[in-house]
Protein backbone atom coordinates (compact mmCIF):
# COMPACT_ATOMS: atom_id res chain seq x y z
CA MET A 1 3.76 -21.42 -7.95
CA LYS A 2 1.57 -18.46 -9.81
CA THR A 3 -0.93 -16.53 -8.05
CA LYS A 4 -3.59 -14.71 -9.85
CA SER A 5 -4.31 -11.20 -9.37
CA LEU A 6 -7.73 -9.18 -10.20
CA LYS A 7 -6.25 -6.76 -12.64
CA PRO A 8 -2.67 -5.53 -13.24
CA ILE A 9 -0.09 -5.36 -10.96
CA PHE A 10 2.04 -2.58 -10.95
CA SER A 11 3.56 -1.90 -7.65
CA ARG A 12 6.50 -3.39 -6.10
CA CYS A 13 6.12 -5.94 -3.63
CA ILE A 14 6.98 -5.92 0.24
CA ARG A 15 7.20 -8.97 2.50
CA ILE A 16 5.38 -9.03 5.96
CA GLY A 17 5.38 -11.04 8.58
CA SER A 18 7.92 -13.60 10.46
CA ALA A 19 9.41 -16.84 9.16
CA ALA A 20 5.99 -18.26 10.28
CA THR A 21 3.84 -16.02 8.93
CA GLU A 22 5.39 -14.15 5.47
CA SER A 23 3.34 -12.85 3.44
CA ILE A 24 3.51 -10.75 0.26
CA VAL A 25 2.03 -7.43 -0.38
CA PHE A 26 1.64 -5.84 -3.57
CA GLY A 27 -1.47 -3.11 -5.05
CA SER A 28 -3.12 -3.55 -8.39
CA HIS A 29 -4.41 -1.23 -11.01
CA ASP A 30 -8.05 -1.87 -9.89
CA GLY A 31 -7.01 -0.36 -6.35
CA SER A 32 -6.75 -3.16 -4.27
CA ILE A 33 -3.85 -4.36 -1.66
CA THR A 34 -3.38 -7.96 -1.79
CA CYS A 35 -1.88 -9.57 0.88
CA PHE A 36 -1.14 -13.55 -0.22
CA SER A 37 1.23 -16.32 2.10
CA ALA A 38 4.66 -16.69 0.59
CA LYS A 39 4.24 -20.52 1.91
CA ASN A 40 1.65 -21.75 -0.42
CA GLY A 41 0.36 -18.57 -2.44
CA SER A 42 -3.27 -18.36 -0.65
CA ILE A 43 -4.42 -14.96 -0.09
CA ARG A 44 -5.17 -13.43 3.18
CA TRP A 45 -6.75 -10.71 2.76
CA ILE A 46 -7.83 -8.39 -0.10
CA TYR A 47 -8.61 -4.05 0.86
CA LYS A 48 -9.88 -2.04 -1.90
CA MET A 49 -9.09 1.74 -2.16
CA SER A 50 -10.30 3.96 -4.76
CA GLY A 51 -8.12 4.86 -7.62
CA SER A 52 -5.11 2.41 -8.65
CA VAL A 53 -2.16 1.95 -6.51
CA LEU A 54 0.36 1.90 -8.86
CA GLY A 55 3.75 2.73 -5.94
CA ALA A 56 4.83 0.27 -3.73
CA PRO A 57 3.07 -0.22 -0.19
CA CYS A 58 5.11 0.93 2.87
CA VAL A 59 6.18 -0.71 6.54
CA VAL A 60 6.17 1.77 8.76
CA GLY A 61 5.92 0.27 12.47
CA GLU A 62 3.64 -2.36 12.74
CA ARG A 63 1.38 -0.87 9.56
CA ILE A 64 0.99 -1.04 5.80
CA VAL A 65 1.03 2.58 4.03
CA VAL A 66 -0.59 2.95 0.77
CA ALA A 67 -1.08 5.69 -1.56
CA SER A 68 -3.57 5.47 -4.48
CA THR A 69 -3.75 7.59 -7.69
CA ALA A 70 -7.29 8.89 -6.32
CA GLY A 71 -5.21 11.05 -3.83
CA ASN A 72 -5.98 8.43 -0.62
CA VAL A 73 -3.11 7.78 1.84
CA VAL A 74 -4.18 5.43 4.68
CA ALA A 75 -2.26 2.83 6.96
CA LEU A 76 -3.39 -0.38 7.15
CA THR A 77 -2.80 -2.91 9.95
CA MET A 78 -1.00 -6.00 9.14
CA ALA A 79 -4.52 -7.77 8.83
CA GLY A 80 -5.43 -5.87 6.45
CA GLU A 81 -7.80 -3.53 8.03
CA VAL A 82 -7.44 0.71 7.92
CA GLU A 83 -6.12 1.75 11.35
CA LYS A 84 -5.59 5.30 10.05
CA ILE A 85 -6.35 7.42 7.28
CA ILE A 86 -3.65 9.56 7.09
CA SER A 87 -5.13 12.13 4.50
CA LYS A 88 -8.01 14.11 2.86
CA PRO A 89 -7.43 13.21 -0.48
CA LEU A 90 -4.27 14.98 -2.09
CA ASP A 91 -4.67 17.52 -4.68
CA GLY A 92 -2.75 15.30 -7.47
CA GLU A 93 -2.71 11.95 -8.28
CA ILE A 94 -0.14 9.38 -6.58
CA PHE A 95 1.72 7.33 -8.38
CA SER A 96 5.39 7.27 -5.91
CA THR A 97 5.98 5.12 -2.79
CA PRO A 98 5.74 6.49 0.41
CA SER A 99 8.58 7.06 2.53
CA ALA A 100 8.54 7.25 6.01
CA ILE A 101 10.89 9.34 7.94
CA ASP A 102 11.49 10.15 11.70
CA GLY A 103 7.70 10.06 12.28
CA SER A 104 6.49 11.86 9.04
CA LEU A 105 5.48 10.67 5.64
CA TYR A 106 6.59 11.46 2.07
CA VAL A 107 4.35 11.39 -0.83
CA GLY A 108 5.33 12.74 -4.41
CA ALA A 109 1.89 13.27 -6.47
CA ARG A 110 1.12 14.22 -9.39
CA ASP A 111 0.44 18.10 -9.04
CA ASP A 112 4.46 18.54 -8.71
CA HIS A 113 4.52 18.48 -4.96
CA LEU A 114 5.91 16.55 -2.67
CA TYR A 115 3.66 16.36 0.58
CA LYS A 116 5.09 15.63 4.35
CA LEU A 117 1.98 13.92 6.39
CA TRP A 118 2.30 12.71 9.83
CA ILE A 119 1.79 9.13 10.67
């Protein structure tokens, strides 16, 4: 199976859903977050961010957290809808993958800072 992306894929893919609804989610250079069926490769949804998505999405509970090079961090529902904009754009580009620990989200930026955000 081969699924075409709109632009180059730099982020790691993550698995979401149960065995019946298993999906793969990844970010692309054009800022798209794409979710497709692991079973047949059909696209389930696409969410467009400003900036490129180079780090992997991160699953936090029932949310998918994504960061972009524009400094944006958002939480999406498993259906690809914006649930929460986690922060105003950060001062630096984000190339890293967000990490959730004890109700906080950590993300490193190109401005040489590690940011702690609340989710």
